[in-house]
Protein backbone atom coordinates (compact mmCIF):
# COMPACT_ATOMS: atom_id res chain seq x y z
CA MET A 1 -15.54 22.02 25.71
CA TYR A 2 -11.85 21.66 24.95
CA TYR A 3 -9.59 19.14 26.59
CA GLN A 4 -6.01 20.15 27.39
CA GLY A 5 -4.77 16.57 27.58
CA ASP A 6 -2.55 14.41 29.75
CA ALA A 7 1.05 15.58 29.68
CA THR A 8 2.43 12.13 30.56
CA PRO A 9 4.18 10.77 27.44
CA TYR A 10 4.07 7.13 26.35
CA THR A 11 7.84 6.94 25.91
CA THR A 12 8.20 3.60 27.71
CA THR A 13 5.78 1.75 25.46
CA LEU A 14 5.80 3.46 22.09
CA ALA A 15 7.98 2.65 19.12
CA SER A 16 11.61 3.64 19.05
CA SER A 17 13.88 3.69 16.04
CA SER A 18 17.31 2.59 14.98
CA PRO A 19 19.52 4.15 12.29
CA ASP A 20 19.47 0.85 10.36
CA ASP A 21 15.72 0.96 9.73
CA ASP A 22 14.83 0.99 6.03
CA PHE A 23 12.39 3.89 5.98
CA ASP A 24 11.77 6.12 3.00
CA PHE A 25 8.58 8.04 3.75
CA ASP A 26 8.45 11.83 3.65
CA PHE A 27 5.88 12.87 6.25
CA ASP A 28 4.18 16.21 5.50
CA ASP A 29 4.99 18.22 8.66
CA SER A 30 2.73 21.08 7.57
CA LEU A 31 -0.32 18.92 8.35
CA PHE A 32 0.81 18.47 11.96
CA ASP A 33 1.59 22.19 12.23
CA ALA A 34 -1.92 23.08 11.04
CA ALA A 35 -3.56 20.73 13.56
CA ALA A 36 -1.39 22.08 16.40
CA ARG A 37 -2.24 25.68 15.45
CA GLU A 38 -5.96 24.84 15.52
CA ILE A 39 -5.61 23.45 19.05
CA LEU A 40 -3.69 26.51 20.21
CA ASP A 41 -6.21 28.93 18.68
CA ALA A 42 -9.08 27.03 20.32
CA GLY A 43 -7.34 26.91 23.70
CA GLY A 44 -7.58 23.14 23.90
CA TYR A 45 -8.43 19.90 22.12
CA ASP A 46 -11.86 18.51 21.31
CA PRO A 47 -12.10 15.02 19.70
CA LYS A 48 -14.40 16.57 17.08
CA MET A 49 -11.23 18.08 15.62
CA LEU A 50 -10.39 14.59 14.34
CA THR A 51 -13.08 14.87 11.69
CA GLY A 52 -12.22 18.45 10.79
CA LYS A 53 -10.00 19.48 7.92
CA ASN A 54 -6.74 19.44 9.89
CA GLY A 55 -7.40 16.35 12.01
CA SER A 56 -8.61 14.16 9.15
CA ALA A 57 -5.66 15.29 7.00
CA LEU A 58 -3.22 14.30 9.76
CA ILE A 59 -4.89 10.91 10.14
CA GLY A 60 -4.79 10.44 6.38
CA GLU A 61 -1.08 11.24 6.19
CA THR A 62 -0.27 8.73 8.93
CA PHE A 63 -2.44 6.11 7.28
CA ARG A 64 -0.74 6.80 3.94
CA ALA A 65 2.56 5.66 5.46
CA PHE A 66 1.06 2.42 6.79
CA ASP A 67 -0.89 1.80 3.58
CA GLU A 68 2.36 2.12 1.62
CA ALA A 69 4.05 -0.34 3.99
CA ILE A 70 1.20 -2.85 3.71
CA GLY A 71 1.17 -2.56 -0.08
CA SER A 72 4.91 -3.19 -0.34
CA ALA A 73 4.61 -6.23 1.92
CA LEU A 74 1.62 -7.86 0.19
CA GLY A 75 2.81 -7.39 -3.39
CA SER A 76 0.76 -6.90 -6.55
CA LYS A 77 -1.83 -9.65 -5.97
CA PRO A 78 -2.79 -9.65 -2.27
CA ASP A 79 -5.59 -11.63 -0.67
CA PRO A 80 -8.44 -9.04 -0.68
CA ALA A 81 -9.71 -10.10 2.77
CA VAL A 82 -6.25 -9.89 4.33
CA ALA A 83 -5.49 -6.55 2.71
CA ALA A 84 -8.83 -5.04 3.78
CA ALA A 85 -8.43 -6.20 7.39
CA LEU A 86 -4.87 -4.87 7.64
CA ARG A 87 -5.83 -1.52 6.14
CA GLU A 88 -8.77 -1.17 8.54
CA ASN A 89 -6.55 -1.89 11.55
CA ALA A 90 -3.91 0.56 10.29
CA PHE A 91 -6.52 3.30 9.78
CA VAL A 92 -7.94 2.90 13.28
CA PHE A 93 -4.41 2.95 14.69
CA SER A 94 -3.69 6.12 12.69
CA GLY A 95 -6.78 7.74 14.18
CA PHE A 96 -5.88 6.96 17.76
CA LYS A 97 -2.26 7.93 17.18
CA THR A 98 -3.43 11.33 15.95
CA HIS A 99 -5.71 11.58 18.99
CA ALA A 100 -2.71 10.92 21.28
CA GLU A 101 -0.61 13.53 19.47
CA MET A 102 -3.31 16.16 19.77
CA GLU A 103 -3.74 15.45 23.47
CA GLN A 104 0.00 15.96 23.92
CA VAL A 105 -0.18 19.27 22.04
CA ALA A 106 -3.11 20.46 24.17
CA ALA A 107 -1.20 19.64 27.35
CA LEU A 108 1.54 22.09 26.33
CA ILE A 109 -0.72 25.14 26.16
CA THR A 110 -0.41 25.80 29.90
CA ASP A 111 2.34 25.25 32.46
CA GLU A 112 2.11 23.39 35.79
CA LYS A 113 0.35 26.41 37.39
CA GLY A 114 -2.24 26.68 34.65
CA ASN A 115 -0.73 29.79 33.06
CA ILE A 116 -0.57 30.17 29.27
CA ARG A 117 2.96 29.38 28.15
CA PRO A 118 4.93 31.75 25.89
CA PHE A 119 4.28 31.01 22.22
CA ASN A 120 7.92 30.37 21.32
CA GLU A 121 8.26 27.87 24.17
CA PHE A 122 5.01 26.16 23.11
CA LEU A 123 6.14 26.04 19.46
CA ASN A 124 9.50 24.49 20.34
CA ASP A 125 7.92 21.71 22.41
CA VAL A 126 5.27 21.06 19.75
CA LYS A 127 7.99 20.53 17.15
CA GLN A 128 9.55 17.93 19.43
CA ILE A 129 6.22 16.07 19.57
CA ASN A 130 6.10 16.04 15.77
CA GLN A 131 9.64 14.67 15.57
CA GLU A 132 8.82 11.95 18.08
CA TYR A 133 5.45 10.82 16.72
CA ASN A 134 5.76 11.43 12.98
CA HIS A 135 9.42 10.70 12.37
CA ARG A 136 11.02 8.65 15.15
CA TYR A 137 7.98 6.53 16.11
CA LEU A 138 6.61 6.41 12.57
CA ARG A 139 9.88 4.98 11.29
CA THR A 140 9.55 1.90 13.48
CA GLU A 141 5.77 1.67 13.13
CA TYR A 142 6.25 1.60 9.35
CA ASN A 143 8.65 -1.33 9.62
CA GLN A 144 6.22 -3.01 12.04
CA ALA A 145 3.50 -2.65 9.40
CA VAL A 146 5.71 -4.31 6.79
CA GLN A 147 6.57 -7.23 9.08
CA SER A 148 3.00 -7.71 10.29
CA ALA A 149 1.57 -7.61 6.78
CA GLN A 150 4.09 -10.17 5.54
CA MET A 151 3.23 -12.55 8.38
CA ALA A 152 -0.52 -12.03 7.90
CA SER A 153 -0.24 -12.90 4.20
CA LYS A 154 1.66 -16.07 5.11
CA TRP A 155 -0.81 -17.14 7.79
CA ALA A 156 -3.63 -17.76 5.33
CA ASP A 157 -1.37 -20.25 3.53
CA PHE A 158 -0.35 -21.84 6.83
CA GLU A 159 -4.00 -22.42 7.76
CA ARG A 160 -4.75 -23.95 4.37
CA ASP A 161 -1.80 -26.38 4.48
CA LYS A 162 -1.74 -27.10 8.22
CA GLU A 163 -2.38 -30.84 7.78
CA HIS A 164 0.91 -31.20 5.94
CA ILE A 165 3.18 -28.65 7.62
CA ASN A 166 4.62 -27.47 10.91
CA LEU A 167 5.83 -23.95 11.59
CA GLN A 168 9.39 -23.08 12.47
CA TYR A 169 10.46 -19.88 14.21
CA ARG A 170 13.54 -18.28 12.69
CA THR A 171 15.51 -15.19 13.64
CA ALA A 172 17.70 -13.20 11.26
CA ASN A 173 20.52 -15.24 12.85
CA ASP A 174 23.07 -12.43 13.02
CA GLU A 175 24.76 -10.36 15.70
CA ARG A 176 21.82 -7.94 15.87
CA VAL A 177 19.32 -10.57 17.06
CA ARG A 178 18.25 -9.77 20.63
CA ALA A 179 18.88 -12.48 23.19
CA SER A 180 15.19 -12.68 24.11
CA HIS A 181 14.37 -13.75 20.54
CA ARG A 182 17.37 -15.99 20.01
CA VAL A 183 15.91 -18.52 22.47
CA LEU A 184 13.00 -19.02 20.03
CA HIS A 185 15.16 -19.77 16.99
CA GLY A 186 14.38 -23.21 15.61
CA VAL A 187 11.18 -23.83 17.58
CA THR A 188 9.12 -26.17 15.38
CA LEU A 189 5.47 -26.85 16.24
CA PRO A 190 2.11 -27.56 14.53
CA VAL A 191 0.14 -24.61 13.13
CA ASP A 192 -2.59 -24.99 15.78
CA ASP A 193 -0.19 -25.15 18.72
CA LYS A 194 -0.98 -22.58 21.44
CA PHE A 195 2.63 -21.42 21.27
CA TRP A 196 1.86 -19.37 18.15
CA GLU A 197 -0.92 -17.48 19.95
CA GLN A 198 1.78 -15.64 21.94
CA TYR A 199 5.05 -15.90 20.05
CA THR A 200 4.27 -15.31 16.37
CA PRO A 201 6.51 -12.45 15.20
CA PRO A 202 6.93 -9.55 15.17
CA ASN A 203 7.64 -9.82 18.91
CA GLY A 204 8.79 -6.26 19.46
CA TRP A 205 9.66 -3.02 17.71
CA GLY A 206 12.22 -3.67 15.01
CA CYS A 207 11.76 -7.45 15.21
CA ARG A 208 13.11 -9.15 12.06
CA CYS A 209 12.08 -12.68 13.00
CA THR A 210 9.77 -14.76 10.84
CA VAL A 211 7.93 -18.08 10.73
CA VAL A 212 8.30 -20.54 7.84
CA ALA A 213 6.42 -23.70 6.88
CA VAL A 214 8.32 -27.00 7.01
CA PRO A 215 7.04 -30.50 6.06
CA ASN A 216 5.62 -32.24 9.14
CA ASP A 217 6.95 -35.62 7.96
CA ASP A 218 10.53 -34.48 7.33
CA PRO A 219 13.02 -35.91 9.89
CA ASP A 220 15.23 -32.85 9.33
CA PHE A 221 12.57 -30.70 11.03
CA PRO A 222 11.51 -32.55 14.20
CA VAL A 223 8.89 -31.00 16.44
CA ARG A 224 10.68 -29.27 19.29
CA ASP A 225 10.28 -26.51 21.84
CA ALA A 226 13.05 -24.00 22.52
CA GLN A 227 16.05 -25.89 23.91
CA GLY A 228 13.73 -28.82 24.57
CA SER A 229 11.87 -27.06 27.36
CA THR A 230 8.88 -24.79 27.92
CA ILE A 231 9.36 -21.21 26.77
CA ASN A 232 9.75 -18.67 29.54
CA GLY A 233 7.49 -15.81 28.50
CA LYS A 234 9.26 -13.33 30.77
CA GLU A 235 12.48 -14.03 28.94
CA VAL A 236 10.95 -13.11 25.58
CA PHE A 237 8.85 -10.21 26.90
CA PRO A 238 10.95 -8.89 29.81
CA THR A 239 8.90 -5.75 30.54
CA PRO A 240 5.25 -4.63 30.20
CA ALA A 241 6.33 -2.52 27.21
CA TYR A 242 7.10 -5.74 25.32
CA GLU A 243 4.08 -7.70 26.53
CA ILE A 244 1.82 -5.85 24.09
CA PHE A 245 3.39 -8.11 21.44
CA LYS A 246 2.39 -11.30 23.27
CA THR A 247 -0.24 -12.06 20.64
CA ASN A 248 -0.70 -13.33 17.08
CA THR A 249 -1.41 -10.31 14.91
CA ALA A 250 -0.89 -12.43 11.77
CA LYS A 251 -3.79 -14.75 12.58
CA ALA A 252 -5.97 -11.79 13.63
CA LYS A 253 -5.03 -9.95 10.39
CA LYS A 254 -3.85 -6.90 12.30
CA VAL A 255 -0.87 -4.61 11.92
CA PHE A 256 -0.65 -3.43 15.52
CA PRO A 257 -1.44 -5.31 18.74
CA ASP A 258 -4.65 -4.46 20.61
CA LYS A 259 -2.76 -3.58 23.79
CA HIS A 260 -0.83 -0.73 22.21
CA PRO A 261 -1.15 2.36 24.45
CA TYR A 262 -2.68 4.47 21.68
CA LEU A 263 -5.70 2.17 21.60
CA PRO A 264 -8.58 2.17 24.10
CA LYS A 265 -8.95 -0.51 26.77
CA GLY A 266 -11.87 -2.20 28.52
CA CYS A 267 -13.62 -3.17 25.30
CA GLY A 268 -17.33 -3.99 25.56
CA ASN A 269 -20.12 -4.62 23.08
CA CYS A 270 -20.58 -0.99 22.15
CA GLY A 271 -20.49 -1.65 18.42
CA LYS A 272 -17.78 0.96 18.02
CA THR A 273 -14.14 -0.12 17.81
CA LEU A 274 -12.54 -1.38 21.01
CA LEU A 275 -14.08 0.51 23.92
CA ALA A 276 -16.90 -0.13 26.42
CA TYR A 277 -18.96 2.94 25.58
CA ASN A 278 -18.95 5.83 28.01
CA PRO A 279 -20.34 9.11 26.65
CA ASN A 280 -18.14 11.10 29.03
CA SER A 281 -14.92 9.39 27.98
CA ILE A 282 -12.59 11.39 25.74
CA LYS A 283 -11.35 8.18 24.09
CA CYS A 284 -14.92 6.99 23.54
CA LYS A 285 -15.74 10.20 21.70
CA ALA A 286 -12.58 9.83 19.65
CA CYS A 287 -13.45 6.19 18.95
CA SER A 288 -16.86 7.06 17.51
CA LEU A 289 -15.39 9.74 15.29
CA ILE A 290 -12.54 7.53 14.05
CA LYS A 291 -15.07 4.82 13.20
CA ARG A 292 -17.01 7.36 11.16
CA LEU A 293 -13.86 8.38 9.28
CA LEU A 294 -13.08 4.69 8.70
CA LYS A 295 -16.42 4.16 6.97
CA LYS A 296 -15.72 7.12 4.70
CA GLU A 297 -12.30 5.73 3.84
CA GLN A 298 -13.78 2.29 3.10
CA CYS A 299 -16.43 3.80 0.82
CA LYS A 300 -13.76 5.80 -1.00
CA GLU A 301 -11.60 2.71 -1.38
CA ARG A 302 -14.55 0.67 -2.69
CA ARG A 303 -15.39 3.31 -5.30
CA ARG A 304 -11.73 3.46 -6.34
CA TRP A 305 -11.60 -0.34 -6.70
CA GLU A 306 -14.85 -0.45 -8.69
CA LYS A 307 -13.53 2.21 -11.07
CA GLN A 308 -10.25 0.34 -11.58
CA GLU A 309 -12.08 -2.95 -12.11
CA ALA A 310 -14.37 -1.37 -14.70
CA LYS A 311 -11.32 -0.07 -16.59
CA ARG A 312 -9.65 -3.46 -16.40
CA GLN A 313 -12.70 -5.28 -17.72
CA GLN A 314 -13.07 -2.81 -20.57
CA LYS A 315 -9.45 -3.30 -21.59
CA VAL A 316 -9.90 -7.08 -21.46
CA VAL A 317 -12.80 -6.82 -23.92
CA ILE A 318 -10.87 -4.49 -26.23
CA CYS A 319 -7.77 -6.69 -26.21
CA LYS A 320 -9.93 -9.70 -27.07
CA ARG A 321 -11.43 -7.83 -30.03
CA LEU A 322 -7.99 -6.83 -31.27
CA ASP A 323 -6.79 -10.40 -31.01
CA GLU A 324 -9.81 -11.68 -32.92
CA TRP A 325 -9.23 -9.07 -35.65
CA GLY A 326 -5.58 -10.10 -36.01
CA LYS A 327 -6.52 -13.76 -36.37
CA SER A 328 -9.02 -12.93 -39.14
CA LEU A 329 -6.25 -11.68 -41.50
CA PRO A 330 -4.63 -14.06 -44.06
CA GLN A 331 -1.77 -16.12 -42.66
CA THR A 332 1.76 -16.05 -44.17
CA PRO A 333 4.96 -17.80 -43.00
CA CYS A 334 6.07 -14.55 -41.34
CA GLY A 335 2.74 -13.51 -39.85
CA ARG A 336 -0.69 -12.13 -40.82
CA ARG A 337 -0.86 -10.13 -44.06
CA LEU A 338 -2.46 -6.68 -44.07
CA GLU A 339 -2.86 -5.48 -47.66
CA VAL A 340 -2.97 -1.71 -47.99
CA ASP A 341 -3.56 0.11 -51.29
CA ASN A 342 -1.11 2.91 -50.56
CA LYS A 343 1.66 2.90 -53.20
CA GLY A 344 1.45 -0.88 -53.33
CA CYS A 345 2.21 -1.27 -49.61
CA THR A 346 1.73 -4.69 -47.99
CA LEU A 347 2.29 -4.84 -44.25
CA ILE A 348 2.90 -7.98 -42.22
CA LEU A 349 1.20 -8.19 -38.84
CA ASN A 350 3.05 -10.63 -36.59
CA ARG A 351 2.11 -11.66 -33.09
CA ASP A 352 4.17 -8.83 -31.55
CA PHE A 353 1.89 -6.07 -32.87
CA ILE A 354 -1.05 -6.57 -30.53
CA GLY A 355 1.23 -7.16 -27.52
CA GLU A 356 3.41 -4.11 -28.22
CA THR A 357 0.39 -1.89 -28.82
CA ILE A 358 -1.21 -2.99 -25.55
CA HIS A 359 2.05 -2.50 -23.64
CA ASN A 360 2.79 0.94 -25.07
CA ASN A 361 -0.73 2.20 -24.29
CA ARG A 362 -1.31 0.36 -21.01
CA LYS A 363 -1.77 3.52 -18.90
CA LYS A 364 -4.33 5.14 -21.16
CA SER A 365 -8.02 5.68 -20.40
CA PRO A 366 -10.86 3.39 -21.56
CA LEU A 367 -12.03 6.11 -24.00
CA TYR A 368 -8.56 6.22 -25.56
CA TRP A 369 -8.56 2.43 -25.84
CA SER A 370 -11.95 2.40 -27.53
CA LYS A 371 -10.74 4.89 -30.16
CA LEU A 372 -7.50 3.01 -30.76
CA SER A 373 -9.21 -0.38 -30.96
CA ALA A 374 -11.71 0.87 -33.56
CA SER A 375 -8.88 2.42 -35.58
CA ILE A 376 -6.77 -0.73 -35.59
CA ARG A 377 -9.68 -2.88 -36.69
CA ASN A 378 -10.19 -0.42 -39.56
CA ALA A 379 -6.46 -0.31 -40.37
CA GLU A 380 -6.85 -1.52 -43.99
CA ASN A 381 -8.93 1.55 -44.84
CA LEU A 382 -7.10 4.07 -42.64
CA LEU A 383 -3.65 3.14 -43.91
CA LYS A 384 -4.78 3.84 -47.50
CA THR A 385 -4.77 7.55 -46.68
CA ALA A 386 -1.81 7.45 -44.27
CA THR A 387 0.97 9.96 -44.80
CA TYR A 388 4.60 8.89 -44.55
CA LYS A 389 6.32 11.07 -41.95
CA GLY A 390 9.86 9.72 -42.15
CA MET A 391 12.01 7.53 -39.90
CA GLU A 392 12.12 7.50 -36.13
CA ASP A 393 14.73 6.16 -33.70
CA GLY A 394 13.43 3.10 -31.90
CA LYS A 395 14.96 4.31 -28.59
CA ASP A 396 15.06 1.05 -26.60
CA HIS A 397 14.46 -0.88 -29.82
CA PRO A 398 17.59 -1.59 -31.91
CA GLU A 399 15.85 -0.82 -35.20
CA TYR A 400 14.37 2.30 -36.80
CA PHE A 401 10.67 2.82 -37.50
CA ASP A 402 8.97 4.16 -40.59
CA ILE A 403 6.22 6.43 -39.28
CA TYR A 404 2.83 6.76 -40.99
CA GLU A 405 0.03 9.00 -39.73
CA THR A 406 -3.70 9.03 -40.35
CA GLU A 407 -5.86 11.96 -39.27
CA ILE A 408 -9.28 11.22 -37.74
CA GLY A 409 -11.02 14.36 -36.51
CA ASP A 410 -8.84 15.94 -33.82
CA ASP A 411 -6.79 12.76 -33.43
CA VAL A 412 -3.83 11.36 -35.32
CA ILE A 413 -3.26 7.61 -35.49
CA VAL A 414 0.49 6.92 -35.56
CA TRP A 415 1.59 3.64 -37.16
CA GLN A 416 5.09 2.35 -36.47
CA VAL A 417 6.49 0.10 -39.22
CA ILE A 418 9.77 -1.85 -39.10
CA LYS A 419 11.49 -2.70 -42.39
CA ARG A 420 13.02 -6.16 -42.50
CA VAL A 421 14.20 -8.59 -45.15
CA GLN A 422 10.97 -10.59 -44.89
CA GLY A 423 8.86 -7.46 -45.42
CA ASP A 424 7.43 -4.41 -43.68
CA PHE A 425 6.13 -5.28 -40.22
CA LEU A 426 3.47 -3.22 -38.45
CA TYR A 427 5.04 -2.91 -35.00
CA SER A 428 2.74 -0.72 -32.91
CA ALA A 429 0.08 2.01 -33.01
CA TYR A 430 -0.93 4.89 -30.78
CA ILE A 431 -3.02 8.07 -30.81
CA LYS A 432 -1.82 11.64 -30.46
CA LYS A 433 -3.62 14.96 -30.70
CA LYS A 434 -3.50 16.86 -33.97
CA GLU A 435 -1.20 19.85 -33.81
CA VAL A 436 -3.12 23.08 -34.19
CA GLN A 437 -1.48 25.42 -36.71
CA PRO A 438 -1.32 29.06 -35.56
CA LYS A 439 -3.52 31.42 -37.53
CA LYS A 440 -1.75 33.69 -39.94
CA PRO A 441 -2.00 37.37 -39.04
């Protein structure tokens, strides 16, 4: 059974955008087009389409935008628990957003009298839905994800240090700050104060406000409410559209508030996501399917992390072996001495060699690293048969390199040597494939 959807848009409560938003995400419109075509061909929308090729691809593209925003906000070393919670919330939101889009598309198949609309008219209106949901709304939702992730990463530190700090609400303090948020500027209260349960930013689409920690024993930051009086919630959240932000997403480790209109309401103990289970509910069916997709995404992410961790651990072991090998060579005032019986060549191995070699090969595979590590530790023997290949421009390096090459099977070990007054310094090493000579006719 296909559902043609509710034609009433969520324009009063969904995200809007401003031309000043910093948004650089290129949404793949072809994925939306494919999902819309599937709905049209089927004559309606069934939540099962969410787990199909087109639906899951559309969810994945939306989630990709939010995942990019979360990653940029958390930096290179995020708290794993915070990152996982934010990504889960963003994925569920992406699923229900896609569900809402597809309902809107299904509602356009027929007119008010139930007649099939002309294709060109349908196509034009569908394109408008894509522009609204995946460009205009997504722009502001992306910025919301950045702001929410930044606050969530801070909140863990706030909780840890709450005995020594208070929190202070701060706006961007410029002409763009909305009046409803300006009244909160400077509010300074303990971390556990109930105020933060409702007024922790972001407090609306495009909100640029933040919360910072201040010493709780510093007289320059006295505890105070806004203007010395109780905050008027209706002043900060003037309409129901804004009241969805009357929460603390940072503490809950969420990107989007639970009361967002995409998300289901009336949550019970169904063990699904947010909804009191009703097998006849369209949103309940969607909820179960989105949860299933979430588990797949989490398994994929876990496998990806385990693979990256295995590579990292292998490189750590290899780097340790290289370091130990370098330290085993005889010490000279300029560095370690590597004696090579190749035309009386003596190379000096200073502390830069291992570091430069690791840096220049940092993106290579564990198999590559294993080969290179074994070659370097056998450098004294390999360099005996190395062939001098001439000089090479150091590119970013101000000096020129003497290049030596040693063939090992299908691989060529390239040794970069810098000539200096103190001697010849082995600068770096890497592997390249042996060039295959064309057969003579």
